[in-house]
């Protein structure tokens, strides 16, 4: 978990790249990276980004 960015904007960029390149869903990404999906959603919601399953990215 130490390589996962803590800054919300860096986390946004990191996760959207992971979702685009490696994972078909946020659930798969979080499971693989050992992240709590609820915490990820809350952290990115603080900077007004929500997960869009149709696009498979935070928008």
PDB file of N, CA and C in Angstrom:
ATOM      1  N   UNK A   1       0.825  -1.210   0.000  1.00  0.00           N
ATOM      2  CA  UNK A   1       0.000   0.000   0.000  1.00  0.00           C
ATOM      3  C   UNK A   1       0.856   1.255   0.000  1.00  0.00           C
ATOM      4  N   UNK A   2       2.112   1.151   0.360  1.00  0.00           N
ATOM      5  CA  UNK A   2       2.955   2.339   0.457  1.00  0.00           C
ATOM      6  C   UNK A   2       3.166   3.007  -0.901  1.00  0.00           C
ATOM      7  N   UNK A   3       3.061   2.262  -2.010  1.00  0.00           N
ATOM      8  CA  UNK A   3       3.259   2.868  -3.319  1.00  0.00           C
ATOM      9  C   UNK A   3       1.988   3.518  -3.864  1.00  0.00           C
ATOM     10  N   UNK A   4       0.873   3.362  -3.175  1.00  0.00           N
ATOM     11  CA  UNK A   4      -0.373   3.994  -3.584  1.00  0.00           C
ATOM     12  C   UNK A   4      -0.334   5.452  -3.108  1.00  0.00           C
ATOM     13  N   UNK A   5      -0.553   6.416  -4.021  1.00  0.00           N
ATOM     14  CA  UNK A   5      -0.497   7.834  -3.629  1.00  0.00           C
ATOM     15  C   UNK A   5      -1.531   8.182  -2.571  1.00  0.00           C
ATOM     16  N   UNK A   6      -1.148   9.032  -1.645  1.00  0.00           N
ATOM     17  CA  UNK A   6      -2.057   9.498  -0.598  1.00  0.00           C
ATOM     18  C   UNK A   6      -2.761  10.800  -1.000  1.00  0.00           C
ATOM     19  N   UNK A   7      -2.092  11.620  -1.796  1.00  0.00           N
ATOM     20  CA  UNK A   7      -2.690  12.854  -2.284  1.00  0.00           C
ATOM     21  C   UNK A   7      -3.869  12.505  -3.199  1.00  0.00           C
ATOM     22  N   UNK A   8      -5.046  13.101  -2.974  1.00  0.00           N
ATOM     23  CA  UNK A   8      -6.225  12.729  -3.762  1.00  0.00           C
ATOM     24  C   UNK A   8      -6.049  12.903  -5.274  1.00  0.00           C
ATOM     25  N   UNK A   9      -5.368  13.942  -5.703  1.00  0.00           N
ATOM     26  CA  UNK A   9      -5.196  14.164  -7.139  1.00  0.00           C
ATOM     27  C   UNK A   9      -4.229  13.152  -7.751  1.00  0.00           C
ATOM     28  N   UNK A  10      -3.204  12.804  -7.019  1.00  0.00           N
ATOM     29  CA  UNK A  10      -2.275  11.771  -7.491  1.00  0.00           C
ATOM     30  C   UNK A  10      -2.971  10.411  -7.492  1.00  0.00           C
ATOM     31  N   UNK A  11      -3.792  10.163  -6.473  1.00  0.00           N
ATOM     32  CA  UNK A  11      -4.562   8.920  -6.403  1.00  0.00           C
ATOM     33  C   UNK A  11      -5.515   8.819  -7.590  1.00  0.00           C
ATOM     34  N   UNK A  12      -6.170   9.900  -7.909  1.00  0.00           N
ATOM     35  CA  UNK A  12      -7.072   9.938  -9.064  1.00  0.00           C
ATOM     36  C   UNK A  12      -6.344   9.522 -10.336  1.00  0.00           C
ATOM     37  N   UNK A  13      -5.214  10.136 -10.591  1.00  0.00           N
ATOM     38  CA  UNK A  13      -4.439   9.826 -11.787  1.00  0.00           C
ATOM     39  C   UNK A  13      -3.977   8.371 -11.785  1.00  0.00           C
ATOM     40  N   UNK A  14      -3.463   7.933 -10.650  1.00  0.00           N
ATOM     41  CA  UNK A  14      -2.975   6.561 -10.519  1.00  0.00           C
ATOM     42  C   UNK A  14      -4.090   5.544 -10.773  1.00  0.00           C
ATOM     43  N   UNK A  15      -5.234   5.736 -10.113  1.00  0.00           N
ATOM     44  CA  UNK A  15      -6.324   4.769 -10.253  1.00  0.00           C
ATOM     45  C   UNK A  15      -6.924   4.771 -11.652  1.00  0.00           C
ATOM     46  N   UNK A  16      -7.096   5.941 -12.249  1.00  0.00           N
ATOM     47  CA  UNK A  16      -7.647   5.960 -13.600  1.00  0.00           C
ATOM     48  C   UNK A  16      -6.708   5.272 -14.584  1.00  0.00           C
ATOM     49  N   UNK A  17      -5.411   5.411 -14.380  1.00  0.00           N
ATOM     50  CA  UNK A  17      -4.448   4.704 -15.226  1.00  0.00           C
ATOM     51  C   UNK A  17      -4.548   3.200 -15.012  1.00  0.00           C
ATOM     52  N   UNK A  18      -4.625   2.782 -13.755  1.00  0.00           N
ATOM     53  CA  UNK A  18      -4.754   1.352 -13.447  1.00  0.00           C
ATOM     54  C   UNK A  18      -6.040   0.785 -14.057  1.00  0.00           C
ATOM     55  N   UNK A  19      -7.127   1.521 -13.903  1.00  0.00           N
ATOM     56  CA  UNK A  19      -8.408   1.071 -14.446  1.00  0.00           C
ATOM     57  C   UNK A  19      -8.362   0.987 -15.969  1.00  0.00           C
ATOM     58  N   UNK A  20      -7.754   1.948 -16.598  1.00  0.00           N
ATOM     59  CA  UNK A  20      -7.669   1.953 -18.063  1.00  0.00           C
ATOM     60  C   UNK A  20      -6.796   0.809 -18.580  1.00  0.00           C
ATOM     61  N   UNK A  21      -5.670   0.585 -17.909  1.00  0.00           N
ATOM     62  CA  UNK A  21      -4.666  -0.346 -18.442  1.00  0.00           C
ATOM     63  C   UNK A  21      -4.797  -1.797 -17.967  1.00  0.00           C
ATOM     64  N   UNK A  22      -5.349  -2.002 -16.766  1.00  0.00           N
ATOM     65  CA  UNK A  22      -5.259  -3.341 -16.182  1.00  0.00           C
ATOM     66  C   UNK A  22      -6.550  -3.952 -15.646  1.00  0.00           C
ATOM     67  N   UNK A  23      -7.535  -3.150 -15.275  1.00  0.00           N
ATOM     68  CA  UNK A  23      -8.689  -3.699 -14.555  1.00  0.00           C
ATOM     69  C   UNK A  23     -10.009  -3.361 -15.227  1.00  0.00           C
ATOM     70  N   UNK A  24     -10.933  -4.323 -15.284  1.00  0.00           N
ATOM     71  CA  UNK A  24     -12.234  -4.080 -15.902  1.00  0.00           C
ATOM     72  C   UNK A  24     -13.233  -3.370 -14.972  1.00  0.00           C
ATOM     73  N   UNK A  25     -12.881  -3.242 -13.677  1.00  0.00           N
ATOM     74  CA  UNK A  25     -13.800  -2.587 -12.741  1.00  0.00           C
ATOM     75  C   UNK A  25     -13.031  -2.076 -11.526  1.00  0.00           C
ATOM     76  N   UNK A  26     -13.656  -1.142 -10.813  1.00  0.00           N
ATOM     77  CA  UNK A  26     -13.066  -0.621  -9.582  1.00  0.00           C
ATOM     78  C   UNK A  26     -12.953  -1.736  -8.547  1.00  0.00           C
ATOM     79  N   UNK A  27     -13.934  -2.601  -8.495  1.00  0.00           N
ATOM     80  CA  UNK A  27     -13.913  -3.716  -7.542  1.00  0.00           C
ATOM     81  C   UNK A  27     -12.683  -4.601  -7.767  1.00  0.00           C
ATOM     82  N   UNK A  28     -12.417  -4.959  -9.014  1.00  0.00           N
ATOM     83  CA  UNK A  28     -11.243  -5.783  -9.328  1.00  0.00           C
ATOM     84  C   UNK A  28      -9.948  -5.055  -8.973  1.00  0.00           C
ATOM     85  N   UNK A  29      -9.891  -3.783  -9.286  1.00  0.00           N
ATOM     86  CA  UNK A  29      -8.702  -2.977  -8.999  1.00  0.00           C
ATOM     87  C   UNK A  29      -8.441  -2.928  -7.498  1.00  0.00           C
ATOM     88  N   UNK A  30      -9.452  -2.593  -6.723  1.00  0.00           N
ATOM     89  CA  UNK A  30      -9.292  -2.490  -5.267  1.00  0.00           C
ATOM     90  C   UNK A  30      -8.924  -3.834  -4.649  1.00  0.00           C
ATOM     91  N   UNK A  31      -9.540  -4.894  -5.119  1.00  0.00           N
ATOM     92  CA  UNK A  31      -9.227  -6.226  -4.600  1.00  0.00           C
ATOM     93  C   UNK A  31      -7.761  -6.564  -4.875  1.00  0.00           C
ATOM     94  N   UNK A  32      -7.319  -6.327  -6.080  1.00  0.00           N
ATOM     95  CA  UNK A  32      -5.955  -6.656  -6.476  1.00  0.00           C
ATOM     96  C   UNK A  32      -4.912  -5.814  -5.733  1.00  0.00           C
ATOM     97  N   UNK A  33      -5.233  -4.539  -5.494  1.00  0.00           N
ATOM     98  CA  UNK A  33      -4.287  -3.630  -4.840  1.00  0.00           C
ATOM     99  C   UNK A  33      -4.484  -3.565  -3.323  1.00  0.00           C
ATOM    100  N   UNK A  34      -5.387  -4.381  -2.801  1.00  0.00           N
ATOM    101  CA  UNK A  34      -5.701  -4.412  -1.362  1.00  0.00           C
ATOM    102  C   UNK A  34      -6.136  -3.044  -0.843  1.00  0.00           C
ATOM    103  N   UNK A  35      -7.037  -2.425  -1.578  1.00  0.00           N
ATOM    104  CA  UNK A  35      -7.581  -1.125  -1.186  1.00  0.00           C
ATOM    105  C   UNK A  35      -9.029  -1.286  -0.752  1.00  0.00           C
ATOM    106  N   UNK A  36      -9.443  -0.460   0.193  1.00  0.00           N
ATOM    107  CA  UNK A  36     -10.841  -0.427   0.618  1.00  0.00           C
ATOM    108  C   UNK A  36     -11.601   0.460  -0.369  1.00  0.00           C
ATOM    109  N   UNK A  37     -12.507  -0.137  -1.114  1.00  0.00           N
ATOM    110  CA  UNK A  37     -13.234   0.585  -2.157  1.00  0.00           C
ATOM    111  C   UNK A  37     -14.003   1.782  -1.594  1.00  0.00           C
ATOM    112  N   UNK A  38     -14.586   1.623  -0.428  1.00  0.00           N
ATOM    113  CA  UNK A  38     -15.328   2.720   0.202  1.00  0.00           C
ATOM    114  C   UNK A  38     -14.428   3.892   0.541  1.00  0.00           C
ATOM    115  N   UNK A  39     -13.241   3.607   1.057  1.00  0.00           N
ATOM    116  CA  UNK A  39     -12.299   4.676   1.387  1.00  0.00           C
ATOM    117  C   UNK A  39     -11.815   5.383   0.128  1.00  0.00           C
ATOM    118  N   UNK A  40     -11.566   4.627  -0.922  1.00  0.00           N
ATOM    119  CA  UNK A  40     -11.131   5.212  -2.197  1.00  0.00           C
ATOM    120  C   UNK A  40     -12.212   6.144  -2.722  1.00  0.00           C
ATOM    121  N   UNK A  41     -13.449   5.670  -2.741  1.00  0.00           N
ATOM    122  CA  UNK A  41     -14.558   6.491  -3.241  1.00  0.00           C
ATOM    123  C   UNK A  41     -14.717   7.768  -2.421  1.00  0.00           C
ATOM    124  N   UNK A  42     -14.618   7.648  -1.096  1.00  0.00           N
ATOM    125  CA  UNK A  42     -14.755   8.817  -0.227  1.00  0.00           C
ATOM    126  C   UNK A  42     -13.632   9.826  -0.452  1.00  0.00           C
ATOM    127  N   UNK A  43     -12.413   9.335  -0.566  1.00  0.00           N
ATOM    128  CA  UNK A  43     -11.268  10.232  -0.766  1.00  0.00           C
ATOM    129  C   UNK A  43     -11.410  11.008  -2.075  1.00  0.00           C
ATOM    130  N   UNK A  44     -11.837  10.337  -3.136  1.00  0.00           N
ATOM    131  CA  UNK A  44     -11.969  11.018  -4.419  1.00  0.00           C
ATOM    132  C   UNK A  44     -13.239  11.863  -4.493  1.00  0.00           C
ATOM    133  N   UNK A  45     -14.242  11.505  -3.705  1.00  0.00           N
ATOM    134  CA  UNK A  45     -15.449  12.326  -3.626  1.00  0.00           C
ATOM    135  C   UNK A  45     -15.120  13.694  -3.025  1.00  0.00           C
ATOM    136  N   UNK A  46     -14.123  13.741  -2.153  1.00  0.00           N
ATOM    137  CA  UNK A  46     -13.701  15.007  -1.533  1.00  0.00           C
ATOM    138  C   UNK A  46     -13.189  16.005  -2.568  1.00  0.00           C
ATOM    139  N   UNK A  47     -12.719  15.518  -3.700  1.00  0.00           N
ATOM    140  CA  UNK A  47     -12.260  16.413  -4.766  1.00  0.00           C
ATOM    141  C   UNK A  47     -13.234  16.367  -5.957  1.00  0.00           C
ATOM    142  N   UNK A  48     -14.465  15.956  -5.654  1.00  0.00           N
ATOM    143  CA  UNK A  48     -15.575  15.965  -6.616  1.00  0.00           C
ATOM    144  C   UNK A  48     -15.407  14.995  -7.783  1.00  0.00           C
ATOM    145  N   UNK A  49     -14.826  13.835  -7.520  1.00  0.00           N
ATOM    146  CA  UNK A  49     -14.733  12.784  -8.532  1.00  0.00           C
ATOM    147  C   UNK A  49     -15.493  11.559  -8.051  1.00  0.00           C
ATOM    148  N   UNK A  50     -16.309  11.015  -8.942  1.00  0.00           N
ATOM    149  CA  UNK A  50     -17.084   9.818  -8.650  1.00  0.00           C
ATOM    150  C   UNK A  50     -16.749   8.755  -9.684  1.00  0.00           C
ATOM    151  N   UNK A  51     -16.844   7.506  -9.270  1.00  0.00           N
ATOM    152  CA  UNK A  51     -16.575   6.404 -10.184  1.00  0.00           C
ATOM    153  C   UNK A  51     -17.739   6.209 -11.135  1.00  0.00           C
ATOM    154  N   UNK A  52     -17.443   6.145 -12.423  1.00  0.00           N
ATOM    155  CA  UNK A  52     -18.438   5.865 -13.450  1.00  0.00           C
ATOM    156  C   UNK A  52     -18.167   4.473 -14.011  1.00  0.00           C
ATOM    157  N   UNK A  53     -19.012   3.483 -13.661  1.00  0.00           N
ATOM    158  CA  UNK A  53     -18.770   2.119 -14.123  1.00  0.00           C
ATOM    159  C   UNK A  53     -18.870   1.960 -15.637  1.00  0.00           C
ATOM    160  N   UNK A  54     -19.659   2.797 -16.292  1.00  0.00           N
ATOM    161  CA  UNK A  54     -19.775   2.728 -17.754  1.00  0.00           C
ATOM    162  C   UNK A  54     -18.431   3.070 -18.426  1.00  0.00           C
ATOM    163  N   UNK A  55     -17.765   4.081 -17.879  1.00  0.00           N
ATOM    164  CA  UNK A  55     -16.473   4.508 -18.422  1.00  0.00           C
ATOM    165  C   UNK A  55     -15.304   3.804 -17.752  1.00  0.00           C
ATOM    166  N   UNK A  56     -15.586   3.150 -16.611  1.00  0.00           N
ATOM    167  CA  UNK A  56     -14.558   2.504 -15.799  1.00  0.00           C
ATOM    168  C   UNK A  56     -13.446   3.483 -15.434  1.00  0.00           C
ATOM    169  N   UNK A  57     -13.887   4.630 -14.935  1.00  0.00           N
ATOM    170  CA  UNK A  57     -12.930   5.640 -14.461  1.00  0.00           C
ATOM    171  C   UNK A  57     -13.624   6.605 -13.515  1.00  0.00           C
ATOM    172  N   UNK A  58     -12.830   7.367 -12.802  1.00  0.00           N
ATOM    173  CA  UNK A  58     -13.357   8.427 -11.963  1.00  0.00           C
ATOM    174  C   UNK A  58     -13.490   9.679 -12.826  1.00  0.00           C
ATOM    175  N   UNK A  59     -14.662  10.297 -12.765  1.00  0.00           N
ATOM    176  CA  UNK A  59     -14.928  11.486 -13.578  1.00  0.00           C
ATOM    177  C   UNK A  59     -15.535  12.577 -12.716  1.00  0.00           C
TER     178      UNK A  59
END
